[in-house]
Amino acid sequence: SPWIVGLLVFGGTDPATGVDCCVDAFAESFLKEACIAAWEAVGAVPPTRACLNDSQVRRELGDSSDAALIKRKLQWQRCNLQIQ
């Protein structure tokens, strides 16, 4: 039954039963209009690089304090310890 996953994602007819069972979830999820709307929301369409003007996205060398850097390094270290 490996084709079942394909039926869920791309839709079609079940070859074992002949039942047309699913819509094309891939096509429904990646509609042109939905993709363009999402890209516009982050400033990627038209390609202006506007998203880099957001303070949460763009970073410059030396734009954080030493305390913020130390805090970030401690967070990374805690995450690494939890993974091990």
Protein backbone atom coordinates (compact mmCIF):
# COMPACT_ATOMS: atom_id res chain seq x y z
CA SER A 1 0.00 0.00 0.00
CA PRO A 2 2.80 2.53 -0.62
CA TRP A 3 0.56 4.43 -3.06
CA ILE A 4 -1.75 5.47 -0.19
CA VAL A 5 0.61 8.28 0.84
CA GLY A 6 0.69 9.50 -2.75
CA LEU A 7 -3.11 9.47 -2.83
CA LEU A 8 -3.28 11.62 0.30
CA VAL A 9 -0.77 14.11 -1.08
CA PHE A 10 -1.57 14.19 -4.80
CA GLY A 11 -5.10 12.75 -4.91
CA GLY A 12 -6.30 10.23 -7.42
CA THR A 13 -7.93 6.84 -7.65
CA ASP A 14 -7.10 3.89 -5.41
CA PRO A 15 -5.80 1.20 -7.77
CA ALA A 16 -6.99 -1.62 -5.49
CA THR A 17 -10.61 -0.48 -5.21
CA GLY A 18 -11.01 1.97 -8.07
CA VAL A 19 -12.42 4.57 -5.69
CA ASP A 20 -11.59 8.22 -6.37
CA CYS A 21 -10.75 9.08 -2.81
CA CYS A 22 -8.85 12.30 -2.33
CA VAL A 23 -8.34 15.83 -3.58
CA ASP A 24 -4.86 16.97 -4.58
CA ALA A 25 -3.68 18.35 -1.20
CA PHE A 26 -0.37 19.48 -2.70
CA ALA A 27 -2.05 21.63 -5.34
CA GLU A 28 -4.53 23.00 -2.79
CA SER A 29 -1.72 23.96 -0.40
CA PHE A 30 0.52 25.60 -2.97
CA LEU A 31 -1.94 27.69 -4.94
CA LYS A 32 -0.22 30.50 -6.86
CA GLU A 33 -2.31 33.15 -5.11
CA ALA A 34 -1.51 31.79 -1.63
CA CYS A 35 2.22 31.66 -2.33
CA ILE A 36 2.31 35.20 -3.71
CA ALA A 37 0.31 36.51 -0.74
CA ALA A 38 2.76 34.89 1.69
CA TRP A 39 5.75 36.25 -0.21
CA GLU A 40 4.22 39.74 -0.25
CA ALA A 41 3.67 39.55 3.51
CA VAL A 42 7.39 39.15 4.13
CA GLY A 43 8.52 41.56 1.42
CA ALA A 44 9.82 38.97 -1.02
CA VAL A 45 7.49 39.99 -3.88
CA PRO A 46 8.41 42.10 -5.69
CA PRO A 47 12.02 41.19 -4.91
CA THR A 48 12.95 44.27 -2.88
CA ARG A 49 14.76 42.69 0.09
CA ALA A 50 12.39 44.76 2.25
CA CYS A 51 12.24 41.97 4.80
CA LEU A 52 15.85 42.78 5.73
CA ASN A 53 14.70 46.11 7.14
CA ASP A 54 12.85 44.33 9.95
CA SER A 55 14.83 44.55 13.20
CA GLN A 56 14.07 40.90 13.95
CA VAL A 57 15.60 39.78 10.66
CA ARG A 58 18.54 42.00 9.88
CA ARG A 59 21.59 41.85 12.11
CA GLU A 60 24.79 43.84 11.96
CA LEU A 61 28.16 42.97 13.41
CA GLY A 62 28.42 44.44 16.87
CA ASP A 63 24.73 45.40 17.12
CA SER A 64 24.19 43.60 20.41
CA SER A 65 25.56 44.25 23.85
CA ASP A 66 28.03 41.94 25.54
CA ALA A 67 25.30 40.91 27.99
CA ALA A 68 22.97 39.92 25.14
CA LEU A 69 25.75 37.92 23.48
CA ILE A 70 26.57 36.10 26.71
CA LYS A 71 22.88 35.36 27.27
CA ARG A 72 22.55 33.96 23.75
CA LYS A 73 25.63 31.77 24.18
CA LEU A 74 24.25 30.39 27.45
CA GLN A 75 20.96 29.56 25.71
CA TRP A 76 22.85 27.71 22.95
CA GLN A 77 24.86 25.83 25.54
CA ARG A 78 21.69 24.78 27.41
CA CYS A 79 20.14 23.57 24.17
CA ASN A 80 23.27 21.59 23.30
CA LEU A 81 23.28 19.96 26.74
CA GLN A 82 19.61 18.98 26.38
CA ILE A 83 20.27 17.36 23.00
CA GLN A 84 23.03 15.14 24.38
